[in-house]
Amino acid sequence: MPFESRTIRWTLVWFAAALSAAAAPCVCPEECTCDLREGSIDCSNRGLRTIPVTLNCAWPNVTKINLKQNQITHVPGYAFSQVTQLERLYLYDNLIESIDQNAFHSLIQLRYLYLDENRLRSLPDEVFYPVRNLYSLLLYSNQISHLPVNVFSTLGNLFRLALHDNALTILDARSFHGLINLEELYLSHNQILGLSNSPFTFLADLKQLFLNDNNLTRLTRFDFIGANRLTLLDLSSNKISLIDDDTFLLHGDIEILLLQNNLVSRVTRLTFAGILQLQFINLQNNRITHISDGSFFRNRQILEIILSENLLEVLNPNMLAGLQSLQRLFVARNRLTFLQNNQFLHAPLLLVVDFSRNNISCIETDTFNGAPFMVYINLGQNELSYLPENVFQYTPNLYYLLLNGNNLETIGVRVFRDLQRLIQLSLYENAIFSMVEGALYGTTSLFYLQWNFDPSDISSGNSLICDCSALWLHRYIQEKGRRIETTVYCAGPPDLNGTDITALSEEHFGCGQYHNDVILCIELERSGSFWKFLEVSRFVNNIKFGKKCFTGYIHTD
């Protein structure tokens, strides 16, 4: 039987049922559970292939019908025309391929309509005309490839429209005509190619727009015309390589902008200049090689910037100009090689910075100048071999410091001395053989000291020799008792290899007796009338720990 004939037949059947229902008392379908006190009828997950005819009845006070998770393939005309008090209709997770033009006839009180997770390929032109008070319409996870003109034109009260996970390629502004109160529009996971025909012209109240996981390649000033009240715009996981300078000129209310997983290569002073209320921007996993100075100068409300997984080789301090409110900056997995003096001077309220997994081999003494409120610094997985004394003098509020996975060999006495609030210090997967006595004395709040990652493979990490020079560290840990957790394991002498330092007694460190032949090789550099300590290498029983040996030999026994 042709599809049209079947549709007409079902419509006549339902129309006849509607006439008889008007004269007969309502009877709960045997496949359903009816709770008239709660005003609900539950027919979910009952293996239904069709909508029970007896549902279409003038039920007193029924406001909710649940037909989810069945095998229904078609919604016939006038299927619920007698249930005029209906407010919620659940039809999701069925096999619905078609909906009659008059399927929702008389449902003027309907507020929530769930048609998601079905097999719809198209929508009848006027199918939603009767449901003028609809608040939320879910059509996601279908196979819809086209939206008819004016299909939503009577839904002036609609707040949320979910069309994600469909097959849309082109959007026409006329399809969204009439949605004067729409605030949330979900279009992610479609196949949308472009927005140059200004599809959101009639959506003056739109606040949240989700366009992630489509095929967009370029953004222009025409794309979002009309949607001037946007506060959240998700454009992530597209193929965007170019953003015109005036794209966001009229969209100053955007607070959250998601552009991660695209192909953007550069950011200029004009790219985001119009977004005056921007608070969060995610540019992770693009191909950004250059960010112009002052690129965020007009975005003074920004709290968080994510630039991880790009191709940045230099981060100029002036790039952060104007970011007086910035609190979190993520620049992990780039190609940075150094951090300059006064790197964060333009962002005085910074709390969190993540520069892990770069190629940073140098940070300056004044790198963190101007950022006194930092609580978290991640410099792990870089190429640092040396930390300047007093490098953290400007971050007295630091709680977490991650330096793991670098090439550090020694730690000077003044590197951590200003970190009285430090809770966690991660130093594992370095090559540290020497920590000057007292290097941790300033860290009075330290709770977690990560020295080694794996005690079974000491050779690949730090190589602490548990001789007399390490006794101070043992005492420091013991004095803290249960107030500190550590992963400090000895790399020598041979009989102590892999031993937890907390398991040793003071006698194991051999102080006060000939224990090891130790030579300290100290590198000094004159600066005016002062000598600056640069590096130390140690020879223990003729085994060298460290890479450099210069002037100033000291022999101790």
Protein backbone atom coordinates (compact mmCIF):
# COMPACT_ATOMS: atom_id res chain seq x y z
CA MET A 1 0.00 0.00 0.00
CA PRO A 2 1.43 3.44 -0.91
CA PHE A 3 2.67 5.55 1.98
CA GLU A 4 0.05 8.27 1.34
CA SER A 5 -2.78 5.73 1.49
CA ARG A 6 -1.55 4.32 4.77
CA THR A 7 -1.32 7.82 6.24
CA ILE A 8 -4.90 8.63 5.18
CA ARG A 9 -6.12 5.33 6.58
CA TRP A 10 -4.50 5.94 9.98
CA THR A 11 -5.89 9.47 10.07
CA LEU A 12 -9.43 8.22 9.43
CA VAL A 13 -9.06 5.55 12.09
CA TRP A 14 -7.90 8.10 14.65
CA PHE A 15 -10.59 10.58 13.65
CA ALA A 16 -13.27 7.91 14.13
CA ALA A 17 -11.76 6.98 17.48
CA ALA A 18 -11.81 10.61 18.53
CA LEU A 19 -15.56 10.85 17.77
CA SER A 20 -16.35 7.73 19.76
CA ALA A 21 -14.12 8.83 22.65
CA ALA A 22 -16.15 11.98 23.06
CA ALA A 23 -19.18 9.87 24.02
CA ALA A 24 -17.50 7.00 25.88
CA PRO A 25 -15.75 7.01 29.28
CA CYS A 26 -11.93 6.87 29.19
CA VAL A 27 -10.38 3.47 29.69
CA CYS A 28 -6.70 3.05 30.51
CA PRO A 29 -4.97 1.09 27.72
CA GLU A 30 -3.95 -2.34 28.93
CA GLU A 31 -0.37 -1.64 27.80
CA CYS A 32 -0.12 1.44 30.04
CA THR A 33 -0.23 2.53 33.65
CA CYS A 34 -2.60 5.39 34.41
CA ASP A 35 -2.24 7.55 37.49
CA LEU A 36 -5.02 10.07 37.27
CA ARG A 37 -4.20 11.58 40.64
CA GLU A 38 -0.78 12.52 39.31
CA GLY A 39 -2.24 13.32 35.91
CA SER A 40 0.06 10.94 34.03
CA ILE A 41 -0.17 7.94 31.71
CA ASP A 42 2.95 5.81 31.36
CA CYS A 43 3.25 3.56 28.29
CA SER A 44 7.05 3.59 28.13
CA ASN A 45 9.13 0.56 27.21
CA ARG A 46 6.14 -1.70 26.49
CA GLY A 47 7.11 -2.89 23.01
CA LEU A 48 4.37 -0.81 21.37
CA ARG A 49 4.41 -0.57 17.58
CA THR A 50 1.52 1.90 17.40
CA ILE A 51 0.05 4.50 19.69
CA PRO A 52 -2.89 2.95 21.61
CA VAL A 53 -6.16 4.29 20.18
CA THR A 54 -7.76 4.56 23.62
CA LEU A 55 -5.16 7.11 24.68
CA ASN A 56 -7.07 9.70 22.68
CA CYS A 57 -9.73 10.45 25.23
CA ALA A 58 -10.90 13.45 27.25
CA TRP A 59 -8.93 12.40 30.30
CA PRO A 60 -9.61 14.59 33.32
CA ASN A 61 -6.45 16.38 34.45
CA VAL A 62 -3.99 14.27 32.40
CA THR A 63 -1.00 16.51 31.68
CA LYS A 64 1.67 13.91 30.88
CA ILE A 65 1.80 10.97 28.45
CA ASN A 66 4.95 8.88 28.24
CA LEU A 67 5.47 6.71 25.14
CA LYS A 68 9.26 6.63 25.16
CA GLN A 69 11.40 3.58 24.34
CA ASN A 70 8.93 1.69 22.19
CA GLN A 71 8.92 0.67 18.53
CA ILE A 72 6.41 3.21 17.23
CA THR A 73 7.07 4.15 13.59
CA HIS A 74 4.34 6.70 12.86
CA VAL A 75 2.41 9.42 14.71
CA PRO A 76 -1.02 9.66 13.03
CA GLY A 77 -3.22 12.72 12.79
CA TYR A 78 -5.37 13.66 15.79
CA ALA A 79 -3.56 11.07 17.91
CA PHE A 80 -4.00 13.14 21.08
CA SER A 81 -6.69 15.60 20.03
CA GLN A 82 -8.97 14.81 23.00
CA VAL A 83 -6.21 15.17 25.62
CA THR A 84 -6.46 18.93 25.57
CA GLN A 85 -4.81 19.45 28.98
CA LEU A 86 -1.61 17.70 27.88
CA GLU A 87 1.57 19.58 28.84
CA ARG A 88 4.28 16.95 28.35
CA LEU A 89 4.47 14.36 25.57
CA TYR A 90 7.36 11.87 25.50
CA LEU A 91 7.91 10.12 22.17
CA TYR A 92 11.69 9.79 22.22
CA ASP A 93 13.71 6.65 21.58
CA ASN A 94 11.23 5.06 19.19
CA LEU A 95 11.48 4.24 15.47
CA ILE A 96 9.34 7.13 14.25
CA GLU A 97 9.87 7.82 10.56
CA SER A 98 6.88 10.05 9.88
CA ILE A 99 4.50 12.43 11.64
CA ASP A 100 1.12 13.40 10.27
CA GLN A 101 0.49 17.09 9.65
CA ASN A 102 -2.28 17.04 12.27
CA ALA A 103 -0.56 14.80 14.80
CA PHE A 104 -0.62 17.44 17.54
CA HIS A 105 -4.01 18.95 16.75
CA SER A 106 -5.74 20.62 19.74
CA LEU A 107 -2.68 20.41 22.04
CA ILE A 108 -2.72 24.10 22.83
CA GLN A 109 -1.44 23.51 26.40
CA LEU A 110 1.56 21.42 25.34
CA ARG A 111 4.82 22.78 26.78
CA TYR A 112 7.36 19.98 26.34
CA LEU A 113 7.56 17.76 23.25
CA TYR A 114 10.21 15.03 23.06
CA LEU A 115 10.78 13.60 19.58
CA ASP A 116 14.51 12.92 19.89
CA GLU A 117 16.25 9.65 19.06
CA ASN A 118 13.96 8.59 16.24
CA ARG A 119 14.30 8.19 12.47
CA LEU A 120 12.71 11.36 11.16
CA ARG A 121 14.11 12.59 7.84
CA SER A 122 11.76 15.51 7.36
CA LEU A 123 9.03 17.52 9.08
CA PRO A 124 5.59 18.42 7.68
CA ASP A 125 5.33 22.14 6.98
CA GLU A 126 2.64 22.91 9.55
CA VAL A 127 3.09 20.07 12.03
CA PHE A 128 3.81 22.40 14.97
CA TYR A 129 1.19 25.04 14.19
CA PRO A 130 -1.27 23.89 16.92
CA VAL A 131 1.28 23.80 19.79
CA ARG A 132 1.63 27.55 20.14
CA ASN A 133 2.58 27.42 23.83
CA LEU A 134 5.44 25.00 23.35
CA TYR A 135 8.44 25.83 25.57
CA SER A 136 10.89 23.05 24.71
CA LEU A 137 11.09 21.04 21.47
CA LEU A 138 13.65 18.23 21.23
CA LEU A 139 14.33 16.82 17.75
CA TYR A 140 17.94 15.74 18.17
CA SER A 141 19.37 12.40 17.07
CA ASN A 142 17.17 12.01 14.02
CA GLN A 143 18.09 12.15 10.32
CA ILE A 144 16.57 15.52 9.43
CA SER A 145 18.33 17.06 6.42
CA HIS A 146 16.05 20.02 5.72
CA LEU A 147 13.86 22.43 7.69
CA PRO A 148 10.77 23.72 5.84
CA VAL A 149 10.25 27.47 5.64
CA ASN A 150 8.14 28.74 8.56
CA VAL A 151 7.99 25.30 10.16
CA PHE A 152 8.34 26.92 13.61
CA SER A 153 6.57 30.19 12.79
CA THR A 154 3.79 29.82 15.40
CA LEU A 155 6.13 28.87 18.25
CA GLY A 156 6.54 32.35 19.65
CA ASN A 157 6.89 30.98 23.20
CA LEU A 158 9.58 28.43 22.39
CA PHE A 159 12.62 28.73 24.66
CA ARG A 160 14.68 25.68 23.64
CA LEU A 161 15.06 24.02 20.22
CA ALA A 162 17.34 20.99 19.95
CA LEU A 163 18.30 19.89 16.43
CA HIS A 164 21.74 18.44 17.10
CA ASP A 165 22.82 15.09 15.71
CA ASN A 166 20.92 15.39 12.45
CA ALA A 167 21.95 15.78 8.80
CA LEU A 168 21.42 19.50 8.19
CA THR A 169 23.78 21.10 5.66
CA ILE A 170 22.18 24.49 4.95
CA LEU A 171 20.23 26.79 7.25
CA ASP A 172 17.59 29.22 6.00
CA ALA A 173 16.62 32.19 8.17
CA ARG A 174 12.96 31.63 7.24
CA SER A 175 13.05 28.25 8.95
CA PHE A 176 13.51 30.01 12.28
CA HIS A 177 10.99 32.77 11.59
CA GLY A 178 8.61 33.36 14.47
CA LEU A 179 10.93 32.15 17.24
CA ILE A 180 10.95 35.54 18.91
CA ASN A 181 11.61 34.16 22.43
CA LEU A 182 14.04 31.39 21.56
CA GLU A 183 17.08 31.47 23.86
CA GLU A 184 18.73 28.07 23.30
CA LEU A 185 19.43 26.59 19.86
CA TYR A 186 21.34 23.32 19.49
CA LEU A 187 22.72 22.61 15.99
CA SER A 188 25.86 20.65 16.83
CA HIS A 189 26.84 17.42 15.10
CA ASN A 190 25.23 18.24 11.77
CA GLN A 191 26.93 18.84 8.41
CA ILE A 192 26.47 22.61 8.18
CA LEU A 193 28.84 24.12 5.62
CA GLY A 194 28.40 27.85 6.18
CA LEU A 195 26.37 30.63 7.74
CA SER A 196 26.83 33.42 5.19
CA ASN A 197 23.08 33.62 4.49
CA SER A 198 22.51 34.96 8.02
CA PRO A 199 20.27 32.13 9.27
CA PHE A 200 19.75 33.69 12.72
CA THR A 201 18.29 36.99 11.52
CA PHE A 202 15.00 36.56 13.39
CA LEU A 203 16.46 35.24 16.65
CA ALA A 204 16.84 38.49 18.54
CA ASP A 205 16.57 36.86 21.97
CA LEU A 206 18.94 33.96 21.32
CA LYS A 207 21.38 33.50 24.22
CA GLN A 208 23.05 30.13 23.64
CA LEU A 209 24.00 28.80 20.20
CA PHE A 210 25.70 25.44 19.72
CA LEU A 211 27.31 24.89 16.30
CA ASN A 212 30.10 22.56 17.32
CA ASP A 213 31.03 19.53 15.22
CA ASN A 214 29.96 20.83 11.83
CA ASN A 215 31.89 21.70 8.66
CA LEU A 216 32.31 25.46 9.03
CA THR A 217 35.53 26.82 7.51
CA ARG A 218 35.24 30.60 7.83
CA LEU A 219 33.48 33.13 10.07
CA THR A 220 32.24 36.46 8.70
CA ARG A 221 30.23 39.44 9.94
CA PHE A 222 27.12 38.06 8.19
CA ASP A 223 27.05 34.78 10.08
CA PHE A 224 25.43 35.90 13.32
CA ILE A 225 23.46 38.97 12.22
CA GLY A 226 20.31 39.33 14.31
CA ALA A 227 21.54 37.20 17.21
CA ASN A 228 23.02 40.16 19.02
CA ARG A 229 22.25 38.96 22.54
CA LEU A 230 24.33 35.80 22.45
CA THR A 231 26.09 34.96 25.71
CA LEU A 232 27.40 31.49 24.77
CA LEU A 233 28.67 30.52 21.31
CA ASP A 234 30.09 27.05 20.70
CA LEU A 235 32.00 26.73 17.40
CA SER A 236 34.34 23.97 18.50
CA SER A 237 35.33 20.99 16.36
CA ASN A 238 34.72 22.56 12.97
CA LYS A 239 37.27 23.33 10.25
CA ILE A 240 37.51 27.07 10.85
CA SER A 241 40.77 28.51 9.57
CA LEU A 242 39.79 32.15 9.10
CA ILE A 243 37.92 34.56 11.36
CA ASP A 244 37.22 37.93 9.73
CA ASP A 245 38.17 40.89 11.92
CA ASP A 246 34.60 42.20 12.14
CA THR A 247 32.90 38.86 12.80
CA PHE A 248 32.01 39.67 16.41
CA LEU A 249 31.74 43.44 16.12
CA LEU A 250 28.05 43.45 17.14
CA HIS A 251 28.23 40.66 19.70
CA GLY A 252 29.54 42.36 22.79
CA ASP A 253 27.42 40.24 25.17
CA ILE A 254 29.15 36.93 24.45
CA GLU A 255 30.59 35.61 27.73
CA ILE A 256 31.68 32.14 26.63
CA LEU A 257 33.33 31.51 23.24
CA LEU A 258 34.40 27.98 22.33
CA LEU A 259 36.71 27.63 19.32
CA GLN A 260 38.77 24.59 20.27
CA ASN A 261 39.58 21.88 17.73
CA ASN A 262 39.69 24.10 14.64
CA LEU A 263 42.38 25.31 12.22
CA VAL A 264 42.83 28.93 13.35
CA SER A 265 46.44 30.06 12.79
CA ARG A 266 46.57 33.61 14.14
CA VAL A 267 44.83 36.05 16.45
CA THR A 268 44.93 39.81 15.84
CA ARG A 269 43.91 42.87 17.86
CA LEU A 270 40.58 42.93 16.00
CA THR A 271 39.63 39.25 16.08
CA PHE A 272 37.73 39.45 19.37
CA ALA A 273 37.73 43.23 19.90
CA GLY A 274 33.94 43.55 19.80
CA ILE A 275 33.26 41.02 22.57
CA LEU A 276 33.40 43.35 25.54
CA GLN A 277 31.76 40.94 28.02
CA LEU A 278 33.90 37.91 27.15
CA GLN A 279 34.80 35.86 30.24
CA PHE A 280 35.96 32.52 28.87
CA ILE A 281 37.60 31.65 25.56
CA ASN A 282 38.87 28.24 24.48
CA LEU A 283 41.30 28.12 21.54
CA GLN A 284 42.81 24.74 22.36
CA ASN A 285 44.03 22.48 19.58
CA ASN A 286 44.22 24.95 16.72
CA ARG A 287 47.27 25.89 14.66
CA ILE A 288 48.00 29.25 16.23
CA THR A 289 51.55 30.45 15.63
CA HIS A 290 51.09 34.13 16.41
CA ILE A 291 49.05 36.25 18.79
CA SER A 292 49.43 39.99 18.27
CA ASP A 293 50.22 42.25 21.22
CA GLY A 294 47.01 43.52 22.77
CA SER A 295 44.84 40.89 21.08
CA PHE A 296 42.65 40.76 24.20
CA PHE A 297 43.06 44.40 25.21
CA ARG A 298 39.33 45.16 24.95
CA ASN A 299 38.29 41.90 26.58
CA ARG A 300 38.86 43.16 30.09
CA GLN A 301 36.34 40.80 31.68
CA ILE A 302 38.11 37.59 30.62
CA LEU A 303 38.65 35.14 33.48
CA GLU A 304 40.09 32.19 31.56
CA ILE A 305 42.03 31.69 28.32
CA ILE A 306 42.91 28.24 26.96
CA LEU A 307 45.67 28.19 24.32
CA SER A 308 46.95 24.65 24.86
CA GLU A 309 47.89 22.41 21.92
CA ASN A 310 48.88 25.12 19.46
CA LEU A 311 52.14 26.06 17.74
CA LEU A 312 53.20 29.10 19.77
CA GLU A 313 56.97 29.58 20.05
CA VAL A 314 56.90 32.94 21.85
CA LEU A 315 54.45 34.42 24.31
CA ASN A 316 55.05 38.14 24.45
CA PRO A 317 54.06 39.71 27.80
CA ASN A 318 52.17 42.42 25.89
CA MET A 319 49.85 39.75 24.50
CA LEU A 320 48.20 39.86 27.93
CA ALA A 321 47.79 43.64 27.90
CA GLY A 322 44.44 44.71 29.29
CA LEU A 323 43.64 41.39 30.96
CA GLN A 324 43.11 42.89 34.38
CA SER A 325 40.59 40.21 35.40
CA LEU A 326 42.36 37.13 34.01
CA GLN A 327 42.58 34.30 36.55
CA ARG A 328 43.46 31.17 34.57
CA LEU A 329 45.86 30.82 31.62
CA PHE A 330 46.55 27.48 29.92
CA VAL A 331 49.34 27.32 27.33
CA ALA A 332 50.34 23.64 27.61
CA ARG A 333 51.62 21.61 24.64
CA ASN A 334 53.01 24.45 22.54
CA ARG A 335 56.57 25.17 21.39
CA LEU A 336 57.62 27.80 23.90
CA THR A 337 61.32 27.81 24.81
CA PHE A 338 61.46 30.50 27.50
CA LEU A 339 59.41 32.72 29.79
CA GLN A 340 60.49 36.34 30.01
CA ASN A 341 60.86 38.73 32.92
CA ASN A 342 57.52 40.32 33.85
CA GLN A 343 55.71 37.72 31.76
CA PHE A 344 52.44 38.24 33.64
CA LEU A 345 52.70 41.90 34.61
CA HIS A 346 49.53 42.78 32.66
CA ALA A 347 47.47 40.10 34.44
CA PRO A 348 47.80 40.94 38.14
CA LEU A 349 44.93 38.66 39.27
CA LEU A 350 46.27 35.44 37.74
CA LEU A 351 45.66 32.39 39.92
CA VAL A 352 46.50 29.45 37.63
CA VAL A 353 49.06 29.06 34.83
CA ASP A 354 49.83 25.87 32.93
CA PHE A 355 52.89 25.79 30.67
CA SER A 356 53.46 22.05 30.81
CA ARG A 357 54.74 20.04 27.84
CA ASN A 358 56.53 22.86 26.04
CA ASN A 359 60.25 23.19 25.33
CA ILE A 360 60.95 25.75 28.04
CA SER A 361 64.60 25.70 29.04
CA CYS A 362 64.80 29.10 30.72
CA ILE A 363 62.75 31.16 33.12
CA GLU A 364 64.01 34.47 34.48
CA THR A 365 64.31 35.63 38.07
CA ASP A 366 61.48 38.11 37.53
CA THR A 367 59.27 35.94 35.32
CA PHE A 368 56.46 35.91 37.88
CA ASN A 369 56.77 39.55 38.89
CA GLY A 370 53.36 41.20 39.13
CA ALA A 371 51.34 38.03 39.80
CA PRO A 372 51.17 37.85 43.61
CA PHE A 373 47.96 35.80 43.80
CA MET A 374 49.08 32.72 41.87
CA VAL A 375 48.10 29.47 43.57
CA TYR A 376 49.01 26.97 40.81
CA ILE A 377 52.01 26.86 38.46
CA ASN A 378 52.60 23.91 36.14
CA LEU A 379 55.98 23.85 34.40
CA GLY A 380 56.13 20.06 34.12
CA GLN A 381 57.48 18.21 31.07
CA ASN A 382 59.79 20.96 29.83
CA GLU A 383 63.57 21.36 29.41
CA LEU A 384 64.44 23.32 32.54
CA SER A 385 67.89 22.53 33.89
CA TYR A 386 68.20 25.43 36.31
CA LEU A 387 65.92 27.48 38.55
CA PRO A 388 67.10 30.98 39.46
CA GLU A 389 67.33 31.77 43.15
CA ASN A 390 64.28 33.70 44.36
CA VAL A 391 62.38 32.91 41.14
CA PHE A 392 59.18 32.40 43.15
CA GLN A 393 59.62 35.41 45.41
CA TYR A 394 56.64 37.10 43.74
CA THR A 395 54.22 34.21 44.35
CA PRO A 396 53.92 33.91 48.15
CA ASN A 397 50.39 32.46 47.87
CA LEU A 398 51.41 29.49 45.72
CA TYR A 399 49.79 26.18 46.74
CA TYR A 400 50.78 23.87 43.89
CA LEU A 401 54.10 23.85 42.01
CA LEU A 402 54.69 21.19 39.35
CA LEU A 403 58.26 20.92 38.03
CA ASN A 404 58.28 17.23 37.16
CA GLY A 405 59.72 15.93 33.90
CA ASN A 406 62.47 18.51 33.43
CA ASN A 407 66.28 18.34 33.48
CA LEU A 408 66.86 19.87 36.90
CA GLU A 409 70.05 18.72 38.62
CA THR A 410 70.29 20.94 41.69
CA ILE A 411 67.98 23.04 43.82
CA GLY A 412 69.39 26.18 45.43
CA VAL A 413 68.69 27.21 49.00
CA ARG A 414 66.55 30.23 48.05
CA VAL A 415 64.46 28.79 45.21
CA PHE A 416 61.49 27.79 47.39
CA ARG A 417 62.13 29.88 50.50
CA ASP A 418 59.21 32.28 49.90
CA LEU A 419 56.61 29.53 49.44
CA GLN A 420 55.24 29.26 52.96
CA ARG A 421 51.79 28.21 51.70
CA LEU A 422 53.00 25.57 49.26
CA ILE A 423 51.05 22.32 49.62
CA GLN A 424 52.31 20.19 46.72
CA LEU A 425 55.77 20.16 45.14
CA SER A 426 56.31 17.78 42.20
CA LEU A 427 59.96 17.18 41.29
CA TYR A 428 59.88 13.62 39.94
CA GLU A 429 61.43 12.64 36.59
CA ASN A 430 64.26 15.15 36.84
CA ALA A 431 67.97 14.45 37.38
CA ILE A 432 68.35 16.06 40.79
CA PHE A 433 71.34 14.80 42.73
CA SER A 434 71.69 17.71 45.13
CA MET A 435 69.28 19.84 47.12
CA VAL A 436 71.16 22.39 49.21
CA GLU A 437 70.55 22.04 52.93
CA GLY A 438 67.60 24.16 53.95
CA ALA A 439 66.11 24.36 50.44
CA LEU A 440 62.71 23.36 51.83
CA TYR A 441 62.84 25.11 55.18
CA GLY A 442 60.59 27.92 53.95
CA THR A 443 57.84 25.53 52.81
CA THR A 444 56.20 25.25 56.20
CA SER A 445 52.83 24.08 54.80
CA LEU A 446 54.17 21.42 52.42
CA PHE A 447 51.96 18.33 52.46
CA TYR A 448 52.97 16.36 49.36
CA LEU A 449 56.57 16.10 48.12
CA GLN A 450 56.87 14.09 44.89
CA TRP A 451 60.56 13.29 44.47
CA ASN A 452 60.44 9.99 42.62
CA PHE A 453 57.66 8.64 40.43
CA ASP A 454 58.57 4.95 40.59
CA PRO A 455 60.91 3.57 43.30
CA SER A 456 61.64 0.53 41.14
CA ASP A 457 63.36 2.67 38.50
CA ILE A 458 65.46 5.22 40.38
CA SER A 459 67.98 5.40 37.52
CA SER A 460 65.54 7.28 35.26
CA GLY A 461 64.70 9.99 37.77
CA ASN A 462 66.26 11.93 40.59
CA SER A 463 69.36 10.38 42.13
CA LEU A 464 69.47 11.36 45.78
CA ILE A 465 72.49 9.96 47.61
CA CYS A 466 71.39 9.23 51.15
CA ASP A 467 74.66 10.22 52.81
CA CYS A 468 75.34 12.88 55.40
CA SER A 469 74.42 15.66 52.96
CA ALA A 470 70.84 14.34 52.83
CA LEU A 471 70.35 14.07 56.58
CA TRP A 472 68.70 17.49 56.72
CA LEU A 473 66.03 16.33 54.27
CA HIS A 474 65.39 13.22 56.34
CA ARG A 475 64.98 15.35 59.45
CA TYR A 476 62.73 17.82 57.63
CA ILE A 477 60.36 15.01 56.62
CA GLN A 478 60.48 13.32 60.02
CA GLU A 479 59.70 16.55 61.84
CA LYS A 480 56.56 16.98 59.75
CA GLY A 481 55.48 13.44 60.59
CA ARG A 482 52.00 12.62 59.33
CA ARG A 483 51.55 16.14 58.01
CA ILE A 484 53.50 15.30 54.85
CA GLU A 485 53.35 12.57 52.20
CA THR A 486 56.53 11.92 50.25
CA THR A 487 57.91 9.75 47.47
CA VAL A 488 61.60 10.28 48.24
CA TYR A 489 63.74 7.23 47.51
CA CYS A 490 67.50 6.82 47.76
CA ALA A 491 69.62 6.24 44.66
CA GLY A 492 72.68 5.39 46.70
CA PRO A 493 74.78 4.18 48.40
CA PRO A 494 74.18 0.84 46.65
CA ASP A 495 72.86 -0.88 49.78
CA LEU A 496 70.13 1.78 50.11
CA ASN A 497 69.09 1.98 46.46
CA GLY A 498 65.31 2.29 46.18
CA THR A 499 64.80 2.70 49.93
CA ASP A 500 62.21 5.18 51.16
CA ILE A 501 64.10 7.91 53.00
CA THR A 502 61.47 7.89 55.74
CA ALA A 503 62.35 4.27 56.54
CA LEU A 504 65.94 5.16 57.48
CA SER A 505 67.36 6.08 60.84
CA GLU A 506 69.91 8.85 61.23
CA GLU A 507 72.71 6.28 61.56
CA HIS A 508 72.17 5.28 57.92
CA PHE A 509 73.39 8.70 56.77
CA GLY A 510 76.88 8.14 58.24
CA CYS A 511 77.40 11.61 59.63
CA GLY A 512 80.32 11.99 62.05
CA GLN A 513 82.31 9.12 60.50
CA TYR A 514 84.15 8.42 57.30
CA HIS A 515 81.38 7.24 55.04
CA ASN A 516 81.99 8.46 51.52
CA ASP A 517 84.62 10.37 49.65
CA VAL A 518 82.67 13.40 48.45
CA ILE A 519 83.90 16.16 46.17
CA LEU A 520 81.71 19.20 45.52
CA CYS A 521 82.50 21.13 42.36
CA ILE A 522 81.01 24.61 42.57
CA GLU A 523 80.55 27.09 39.74
CA LEU A 524 80.61 30.74 40.80
CA GLU A 525 80.12 33.91 38.82
CA ARG A 526 81.21 37.34 39.98
CA SER A 527 78.60 40.10 39.89
CA GLY A 528 80.01 43.35 41.22
CA SER A 529 81.20 42.69 44.76
CA PHE A 530 79.15 39.48 45.04
CA TRP A 531 79.68 35.89 43.92
CA LYS A 532 76.67 34.25 42.36
CA PHE A 533 76.18 30.49 42.82
CA LEU A 534 75.43 28.84 39.48
CA GLU A 535 75.74 25.10 39.72
CA VAL A 536 77.21 22.25 41.72
CA SER A 537 78.36 18.78 40.72
CA ARG A 538 79.12 16.01 43.18
CA PHE A 539 81.51 13.10 43.05
CA VAL A 540 80.67 10.32 45.53
CA ASN A 541 83.29 7.59 45.66
CA ASN A 542 84.50 8.72 42.22
CA ILE A 543 80.99 8.47 40.74
CA LYS A 544 79.91 11.76 39.21
CA PHE A 545 76.41 13.12 39.81
CA GLY A 546 75.82 16.18 37.64
CA LYS A 547 77.18 17.45 34.35
CA LYS A 548 79.48 20.39 35.09
CA CYS A 549 82.58 20.91 37.21
CA PHE A 550 84.26 24.31 37.34
CA THR A 551 86.33 26.26 39.85
CA GLY A 552 86.18 26.03 43.64
CA TYR A 553 86.90 22.43 44.67
CA ILE A 554 85.95 21.40 48.18
CA HIS A 555 86.94 18.04 49.64
CA THR A 556 85.03 16.72 52.64
CA ASP A 557 85.10 13.50 54.58
